[in-house]
Amino acid sequence: MTIDERLRIAQHDNELRAFLDYERRLNLAYARSKDPHPGRWLRPSAGWGIRRDCEFDASCGTEN
Protein backbone atom coordinates (compact mmCIF):
# COMPACT_ATOMS: atom_id res chain seq x y z
CA MET A 1 0.00 0.00 0.00
CA THR A 2 1.45 3.33 -1.05
CA ILE A 3 1.42 6.55 0.91
CA ASP A 4 -1.20 7.99 -1.46
CA GLU A 5 -3.54 5.06 -0.81
CA ARG A 6 -3.09 5.38 2.95
CA LEU A 7 -3.79 9.10 2.80
CA ARG A 8 -6.87 8.50 0.64
CA ILE A 9 -8.19 5.95 3.17
CA ALA A 10 -7.47 8.29 6.08
CA GLN A 11 -9.26 11.14 4.28
CA HIS A 12 -12.26 8.91 3.60
CA ASP A 13 -12.38 7.83 7.26
CA ASN A 14 -12.23 11.46 8.41
CA GLU A 15 -15.01 12.50 6.04
CA LEU A 16 -17.17 9.56 7.11
CA ARG A 17 -16.62 10.34 10.80
CA ALA A 18 -17.46 14.02 10.22
CA PHE A 19 -20.64 13.09 8.33
CA LEU A 20 -21.78 10.66 11.03
CA ASP A 21 -21.13 13.30 13.70
CA TYR A 22 -23.14 15.84 11.68
CA GLU A 23 -26.00 13.37 11.27
CA ARG A 24 -26.01 12.62 15.01
CA ARG A 25 -26.15 16.32 15.87
CA LEU A 26 -28.90 16.90 13.32
CA ASN A 27 -31.00 14.08 14.81
CA LEU A 28 -30.50 15.47 18.33
CA ALA A 29 -31.49 18.97 17.21
CA TYR A 30 -34.60 17.61 15.49
CA ALA A 31 -35.58 15.63 18.58
CA ARG A 32 -35.12 18.75 20.75
CA SER A 33 -37.26 20.79 18.37
CA LYS A 34 -40.12 18.29 18.79
CA ASP A 35 -39.95 18.33 22.60
CA PRO A 36 -43.36 19.56 23.86
CA HIS A 37 -41.78 20.87 27.09
CA PRO A 38 -38.44 22.44 26.15
CA GLY A 39 -36.13 23.76 28.82
CA ARG A 40 -36.17 27.48 29.37
CA TRP A 41 -33.26 29.86 29.09
CA LEU A 42 -32.24 31.21 32.44
CA ARG A 43 -32.03 34.98 32.68
CA PRO A 44 -28.76 36.05 34.22
CA SER A 45 -29.09 37.79 37.54
CA ALA A 46 -28.24 41.45 37.91
CA GLY A 47 -24.89 40.47 39.41
CA TRP A 48 -23.68 38.90 36.18
CA GLY A 49 -22.04 40.75 33.34
CA ILE A 50 -19.05 42.90 32.67
CA ARG A 51 -17.95 45.12 35.50
CA ARG A 52 -15.56 48.00 35.45
CA ASP A 53 -12.34 47.75 37.44
CA CYS A 54 -13.64 50.59 39.60
CA GLU A 55 -16.37 48.34 41.02
CA PHE A 56 -13.74 45.93 42.32
CA ASP A 57 -11.24 48.51 43.54
CA ALA A 58 -12.10 49.91 46.99
CA SER A 59 -9.86 52.95 46.49
CA CYS A 60 -11.73 54.00 43.36
CA GLY A 61 -14.75 55.28 45.29
CA THR A 62 -12.67 57.18 47.84
CA GLU A 63 -10.72 59.28 45.34
CA ASN A 64 -13.60 61.65 44.57
PDB file of N, CA and C in Angstrom:
ATOM      1  N   MET A   1       0.845  -1.169   0.000  1.00  0.00           N
ATOM      2  CA  MET A   1       0.000   0.000   0.000  1.00  0.00           C
ATOM      3  C   MET A   1       0.900   1.245   0.000  1.00  0.00           C
ATOM      4  N   THR A   2       0.630   2.126  -0.928  1.00  0.00           N
ATOM      5  CA  THR A   2       1.447   3.331  -1.048  1.00  0.00           C
ATOM      6  C   THR A   2       0.958   4.411  -0.075  1.00  0.00           C
ATOM      7  N   ILE A   3       1.772   5.428   0.031  1.00  0.00           N
ATOM      8  CA  ILE A   3       1.415   6.545   0.910  1.00  0.00           C
ATOM      9  C   ILE A   3       0.136   7.218   0.413  1.00  0.00           C
ATOM     10  N   ASP A   4       0.002   7.364  -0.904  1.00  0.00           N
ATOM     11  CA  ASP A   4      -1.204   7.986  -1.460  1.00  0.00           C
ATOM     12  C   ASP A   4      -2.457   7.204  -1.090  1.00  0.00           C
ATOM     13  N   GLU A   5      -2.379   5.882  -1.163  1.00  0.00           N
ATOM     14  CA  GLU A   5      -3.539   5.057  -0.807  1.00  0.00           C
ATOM     15  C   GLU A   5      -3.879   5.191   0.672  1.00  0.00           C
ATOM     16  N   ARG A   6      -2.852   5.211   1.511  1.00  0.00           N
ATOM     17  CA  ARG A   6      -3.087   5.377   2.955  1.00  0.00           C
ATOM     18  C   ARG A   6      -3.724   6.727   3.256  1.00  0.00           C
ATOM     19  N   LEU A   7      -3.224   7.770   2.598  1.00  0.00           N
ATOM     20  CA  LEU A   7      -3.792   9.099   2.805  1.00  0.00           C
ATOM     21  C   LEU A   7      -5.234   9.170   2.308  1.00  0.00           C
ATOM     22  N   ARG A   8      -5.513   8.526   1.181  1.00  0.00           N
ATOM     23  CA  ARG A   8      -6.869   8.503   0.644  1.00  0.00           C
ATOM     24  C   ARG A   8      -7.818   7.799   1.619  1.00  0.00           C
ATOM     25  N   ILE A   9      -7.373   6.687   2.196  1.00  0.00           N
ATOM     26  CA  ILE A   9      -8.187   5.945   3.165  1.00  0.00           C
ATOM     27  C   ILE A   9      -8.407   6.786   4.422  1.00  0.00           C
ATOM     28  N   ALA A  10      -7.348   7.445   4.894  1.00  0.00           N
ATOM     29  CA  ALA A  10      -7.471   8.292   6.082  1.00  0.00           C
ATOM     30  C   ALA A  10      -8.438   9.448   5.821  1.00  0.00           C
ATOM     31  N   GLN A  11      -8.355  10.048   4.631  1.00  0.00           N
ATOM     32  CA  GLN A  11      -9.258  11.144   4.279  1.00  0.00           C
ATOM     33  C   GLN A  11     -10.701  10.656   4.239  1.00  0.00           C
ATOM     34  N   HIS A  12     -10.914   9.483   3.665  1.00  0.00           N
ATOM     35  CA  HIS A  12     -12.259   8.908   3.601  1.00  0.00           C
ATOM     36  C   HIS A  12     -12.801   8.650   5.007  1.00  0.00           C
ATOM     37  N   ASP A  13     -11.964   8.093   5.874  1.00  0.00           N
ATOM     38  CA  ASP A  13     -12.381   7.825   7.255  1.00  0.00           C
ATOM     39  C   ASP A  13     -12.749   9.123   7.977  1.00  0.00           C
ATOM     40  N   ASN A  14     -11.947  10.169   7.781  1.00  0.00           N
ATOM     41  CA  ASN A  14     -12.233  11.462   8.412  1.00  0.00           C
ATOM     42  C   ASN A  14     -13.544  12.060   7.908  1.00  0.00           C
ATOM     43  N   GLU A  15     -13.776  11.973   6.602  1.00  0.00           N
ATOM     44  CA  GLU A  15     -15.015  12.498   6.039  1.00  0.00           C
ATOM     45  C   GLU A  15     -16.220  11.710   6.532  1.00  0.00           C
ATOM     46  N   LEU A  16     -16.086  10.391   6.617  1.00  0.00           N
ATOM     47  CA  LEU A  16     -17.175   9.560   7.112  1.00  0.00           C
ATOM     48  C   LEU A  16     -17.479   9.880   8.574  1.00  0.00           C
ATOM     49  N   ARG A  17     -16.441  10.020   9.379  1.00  0.00           N
ATOM     50  CA  ARG A  17     -16.616  10.344  10.798  1.00  0.00           C
ATOM     51  C   ARG A  17     -17.286  11.714  10.958  1.00  0.00           C
ATOM     52  N   ALA A  18     -16.868  12.680  10.153  1.00  0.00           N
ATOM     53  CA  ALA A  18     -17.462  14.019  10.220  1.00  0.00           C
ATOM     54  C   ALA A  18     -18.935  13.979   9.807  1.00  0.00           C
ATOM     55  N   PHE A  19     -19.246  13.201   8.776  1.00  0.00           N
ATOM     56  CA  PHE A  19     -20.636  13.092   8.328  1.00  0.00           C
ATOM     57  C   PHE A  19     -21.500  12.421   9.385  1.00  0.00           C
ATOM     58  N   LEU A  20     -21.010  11.355   9.995  1.00  0.00           N
ATOM     59  CA  LEU A  20     -21.778  10.660  11.025  1.00  0.00           C
ATOM     60  C   LEU A  20     -21.997  11.560  12.241  1.00  0.00           C
ATOM     61  N   ASP A  21     -20.990  12.364  12.588  1.00  0.00           N
ATOM     62  CA  ASP A  21     -21.130  13.303  13.696  1.00  0.00           C
ATOM     63  C   ASP A  21     -22.177  14.367  13.361  1.00  0.00           C
ATOM     64  N   TYR A  22     -22.145  14.866  12.124  1.00  0.00           N
ATOM     65  CA  TYR A  22     -23.137  15.843  11.675  1.00  0.00           C
ATOM     66  C   TYR A  22     -24.537  15.252  11.741  1.00  0.00           C
ATOM     67  N   GLU A  23     -24.695  14.025  11.266  1.00  0.00           N
ATOM     68  CA  GLU A  23     -25.998  13.369  11.270  1.00  0.00           C
ATOM     69  C   GLU A  23     -26.518  13.180  12.699  1.00  0.00           C
ATOM     70  N   ARG A  24     -25.626  12.811  13.610  1.00  0.00           N
ATOM     71  CA  ARG A  24     -26.013  12.615  15.009  1.00  0.00           C
ATOM     72  C   ARG A  24     -26.490  13.935  15.608  1.00  0.00           C
ATOM     73  N   ARG A  25     -25.754  15.015  15.343  1.00  0.00           N
ATOM     74  CA  ARG A  25     -26.154  16.323  15.868  1.00  0.00           C
ATOM     75  C   ARG A  25     -27.474  16.790  15.261  1.00  0.00           C
ATOM     76  N   LEU A  26     -27.660  16.521  13.984  1.00  0.00           N
ATOM     77  CA  LEU A  26     -28.902  16.900  13.324  1.00  0.00           C
ATOM     78  C   LEU A  26     -30.081  16.155  13.939  1.00  0.00           C
ATOM     79  N   ASN A  27     -29.929  14.864  14.189  1.00  0.00           N
ATOM     80  CA  ASN A  27     -30.997  14.079  14.813  1.00  0.00           C
ATOM     81  C   ASN A  27     -31.306  14.585  16.219  1.00  0.00           C
ATOM     82  N   LEU A  28     -30.274  14.935  16.980  1.00  0.00           N
ATOM     83  CA  LEU A  28     -30.495  15.471  18.325  1.00  0.00           C
ATOM     84  C   LEU A  28     -31.230  16.814  18.271  1.00  0.00           C
ATOM     85  N   ALA A  29     -30.835  17.665  17.343  1.00  0.00           N
ATOM     86  CA  ALA A  29     -31.488  18.969  17.210  1.00  0.00           C
ATOM     87  C   ALA A  29     -32.950  18.799  16.801  1.00  0.00           C
ATOM     88  N   TYR A  30     -33.219  17.862  15.909  1.00  0.00           N
ATOM     89  CA  TYR A  30     -34.598  17.613  15.487  1.00  0.00           C
ATOM     90  C   TYR A  30     -35.426  17.094  16.656  1.00  0.00           C
ATOM     91  N   ALA A  31     -34.861  16.172  17.425  1.00  0.00           N
ATOM     92  CA  ALA A  31     -35.575  15.631  18.583  1.00  0.00           C
ATOM     93  C   ALA A  31     -35.865  16.738  19.596  1.00  0.00           C
ATOM     94  N   ARG A  32     -34.898  17.633  19.811  1.00  0.00           N
ATOM     95  CA  ARG A  32     -35.118  18.745  20.747  1.00  0.00           C
ATOM     96  C   ARG A  32     -36.204  19.689  20.235  1.00  0.00           C
ATOM     97  N   SER A  33     -36.265  19.877  18.925  1.00  0.00           N
ATOM     98  CA  SER A  33     -37.265  20.790  18.368  1.00  0.00           C
ATOM     99  C   SER A  33     -38.674  20.229  18.516  1.00  0.00           C
ATOM    100  N   LYS A  34     -38.810  18.924  18.645  1.00  0.00           N
ATOM    101  CA  LYS A  34     -40.118  18.285  18.794  1.00  0.00           C
ATOM    102  C   LYS A  34     -40.516  18.094  20.250  1.00  0.00           C
ATOM    103  N   ASP A  35     -39.668  18.491  21.178  1.00  0.00           N
ATOM    104  CA  ASP A  35     -39.951  18.331  22.605  1.00  0.00           C
ATOM    105  C   ASP A  35     -41.108  19.259  22.987  1.00  0.00           C
ATOM    106  N   PRO A  36     -42.225  18.704  23.510  1.00  0.00           N
ATOM    107  CA  PRO A  36     -43.360  19.559  23.862  1.00  0.00           C
ATOM    108  C   PRO A  36     -43.093  20.440  25.087  1.00  0.00           C
ATOM    109  N   HIS A  37     -42.114  20.094  25.888  1.00  0.00           N
ATOM    110  CA  HIS A  37     -41.783  20.868  27.089  1.00  0.00           C
ATOM    111  C   HIS A  37     -40.296  21.203  27.091  1.00  0.00           C
ATOM    112  N   PRO A  38     -39.882  22.122  26.215  1.00  0.00           N
ATOM    113  CA  PRO A  38     -38.443  22.435  26.150  1.00  0.00           C
ATOM    114  C   PRO A  38     -37.981  23.161  27.407  1.00  0.00           C
ATOM    115  N   GLY A  39     -36.717  23.026  27.698  1.00  0.00           N
ATOM    116  CA  GLY A  39     -36.131  23.756  28.818  1.00  0.00           C
ATOM    117  C   GLY A  39     -36.124  25.236  28.528  1.00  0.00           C
ATOM    118  N   ARG A  40     -36.142  26.024  29.536  1.00  0.00           N
ATOM    119  CA  ARG A  40     -36.168  27.476  29.365  1.00  0.00           C
ATOM    120  C   ARG A  40     -34.776  28.050  29.570  1.00  0.00           C
ATOM    121  N   TRP A  41     -34.517  29.142  28.879  1.00  0.00           N
ATOM    122  CA  TRP A  41     -33.264  29.859  29.090  1.00  0.00           C
ATOM    123  C   TRP A  41     -33.344  30.552  30.434  1.00  0.00           C
ATOM    124  N   LEU A  42     -32.278  30.522  31.159  1.00  0.00           N
ATOM    125  CA  LEU A  42     -32.238  31.212  32.439  1.00  0.00           C
ATOM    126  C   LEU A  42     -31.754  32.638  32.218  1.00  0.00           C
ATOM    127  N   ARG A  43     -32.466  33.585  32.777  1.00  0.00           N
ATOM    128  CA  ARG A  43     -32.026  34.976  32.675  1.00  0.00           C
ATOM    129  C   ARG A  43     -30.922  35.201  33.683  1.00  0.00           C
ATOM    130  N   PRO A  44     -29.840  35.793  33.267  1.00  0.00           N
ATOM    131  CA  PRO A  44     -28.761  36.051  34.222  1.00  0.00           C
ATOM    132  C   PRO A  44     -29.211  37.048  35.280  1.00  0.00           C
ATOM    133  N   SER A  45     -28.730  36.858  36.463  1.00  0.00           N
ATOM    134  CA  SER A  45     -29.085  37.786  37.539  1.00  0.00           C
ATOM    135  C   SER A  45     -28.397  39.125  37.306  1.00  0.00           C
ATOM    136  N   ALA A  46     -28.808  40.113  38.072  1.00  0.00           N
ATOM    137  CA  ALA A  46     -28.240  41.454  37.912  1.00  0.00           C
ATOM    138  C   ALA A  46     -26.758  41.476  38.255  1.00  0.00           C
ATOM    139  N   GLY A  47     -26.287  40.503  39.017  1.00  0.00           N
ATOM    140  CA  GLY A  47     -24.889  40.473  39.413  1.00  0.00           C
ATOM    141  C   GLY A  47     -23.959  39.981  38.323  1.00  0.00           C
ATOM    142  N   TRP A  48     -24.515  39.416  37.264  1.00  0.00           N
ATOM    143  CA  TRP A  48     -23.677  38.904  36.184  1.00  0.00           C
ATOM    144  C   TRP A  48     -23.351  40.019  35.210  1.00  0.00           C
ATOM    145  N   GLY A  49     -22.358  39.797  34.400  1.00  0.00           N
ATOM    146  CA  GLY A  49     -22.039  40.747  33.344  1.00  0.00           C
ATOM    147  C   GLY A  49     -20.654  41.325  33.513  1.00  0.00           C
ATOM    148  N   ILE A  50     -20.362  42.265  32.659  1.00  0.00           N
ATOM    149  CA  ILE A  50     -19.048  42.900  32.671  1.00  0.00           C
ATOM    150  C   ILE A  50     -19.068  44.022  33.698  1.00  0.00           C
ATOM    151  N   ARG A  51     -18.053  44.060  34.496  1.00  0.00           N
ATOM    152  CA  ARG A  51     -17.947  45.121  35.497  1.00  0.00           C
ATOM    153  C   ARG A  51     -16.672  45.909  35.250  1.00  0.00           C
ATOM    154  N   ARG A  52     -16.750  47.168  35.580  1.00  0.00           N
ATOM    155  CA  ARG A  52     -15.561  47.996  35.446  1.00  0.00           C
ATOM    156  C   ARG A  52     -14.616  47.696  36.597  1.00  0.00           C
ATOM    157  N   ASP A  53     -13.339  47.959  36.388  1.00  0.00           N
ATOM    158  CA  ASP A  53     -12.345  47.750  37.440  1.00  0.00           C
ATOM    159  C   ASP A  53     -12.693  48.553  38.683  1.00  0.00           C
ATOM    160  N   CYS A  54     -13.312  49.700  38.493  1.00  0.00           N
ATOM    161  CA  CYS A  54     -13.638  50.587  39.604  1.00  0.00           C
ATOM    162  C   CYS A  54     -14.558  49.889  40.609  1.00  0.00           C
ATOM    163  N   GLU A  55     -15.441  49.021  40.127  1.00  0.00           N
ATOM    164  CA  GLU A  55     -16.369  48.338  41.019  1.00  0.00           C
ATOM    165  C   GLU A  55     -15.663  47.337  41.921  1.00  0.00           C
ATOM    166  N   PHE A  56     -14.481  46.903  41.525  1.00  0.00           N
ATOM    167  CA  PHE A  56     -13.740  45.933  42.316  1.00  0.00           C
ATOM    168  C   PHE A  56     -12.666  46.586  43.179  1.00  0.00           C
ATOM    169  N   ASP A  57     -12.333  47.820  42.856  1.00  0.00           N
ATOM    170  CA  ASP A  57     -11.244  48.509  43.543  1.00  0.00           C
ATOM    171  C   ASP A  57     -11.821  49.419  44.623  1.00  0.00           C
ATOM    172  N   ALA A  58     -11.539  49.134  45.878  1.00  0.00           N
ATOM    173  CA  ALA A  58     -12.097  49.911  46.985  1.00  0.00           C
ATOM    174  C   ALA A  58     -11.605  51.354  46.964  1.00  0.00           C
ATOM    175  N   SER A  59     -10.402  51.593  46.474  1.00  0.00           N
ATOM    176  CA  SER A  59      -9.862  52.951  46.486  1.00  0.00           C
ATOM    177  C   SER A  59     -10.505  53.828  45.421  1.00  0.00           C
ATOM    178  N   CYS A  60     -11.153  53.233  44.458  1.00  0.00           N
ATOM    179  CA  CYS A  60     -11.732  53.996  43.355  1.00  0.00           C
ATOM    180  C   CYS A  60     -12.840  54.924  43.854  1.00  0.00           C
ATOM    181  N   GLY A  61     -13.653  54.465  44.782  1.00  0.00           N
ATOM    182  CA  GLY A  61     -14.747  55.281  45.285  1.00  0.00           C
ATOM    183  C   GLY A  61     -14.301  56.348  46.262  1.00  0.00           C
ATOM    184  N   THR A  62     -13.126  56.217  46.830  1.00  0.00           N
ATOM    185  CA  THR A  62     -12.668  57.176  47.840  1.00  0.00           C
ATOM    186  C   THR A  62     -11.871  58.322  47.246  1.00  0.00           C
ATOM    187  N   GLU A  63     -11.547  58.243  45.954  1.00  0.00           N
ATOM    188  CA  GLU A  63     -10.720  59.278  45.343  1.00  0.00           C
ATOM    189  C   GLU A  63     -11.504  60.549  45.097  1.00  0.00           C
ATOM    190  N   ASN A  64     -12.798  60.471  44.914  1.00  0.00           N
ATOM    191  CA  ASN A  64     -13.601  61.649  44.566  1.00  0.00           C
ATOM    192  C   ASN A  64     -13.900  62.471  45.737  1.00  0.00           C
TER     193      ASN A  64
END
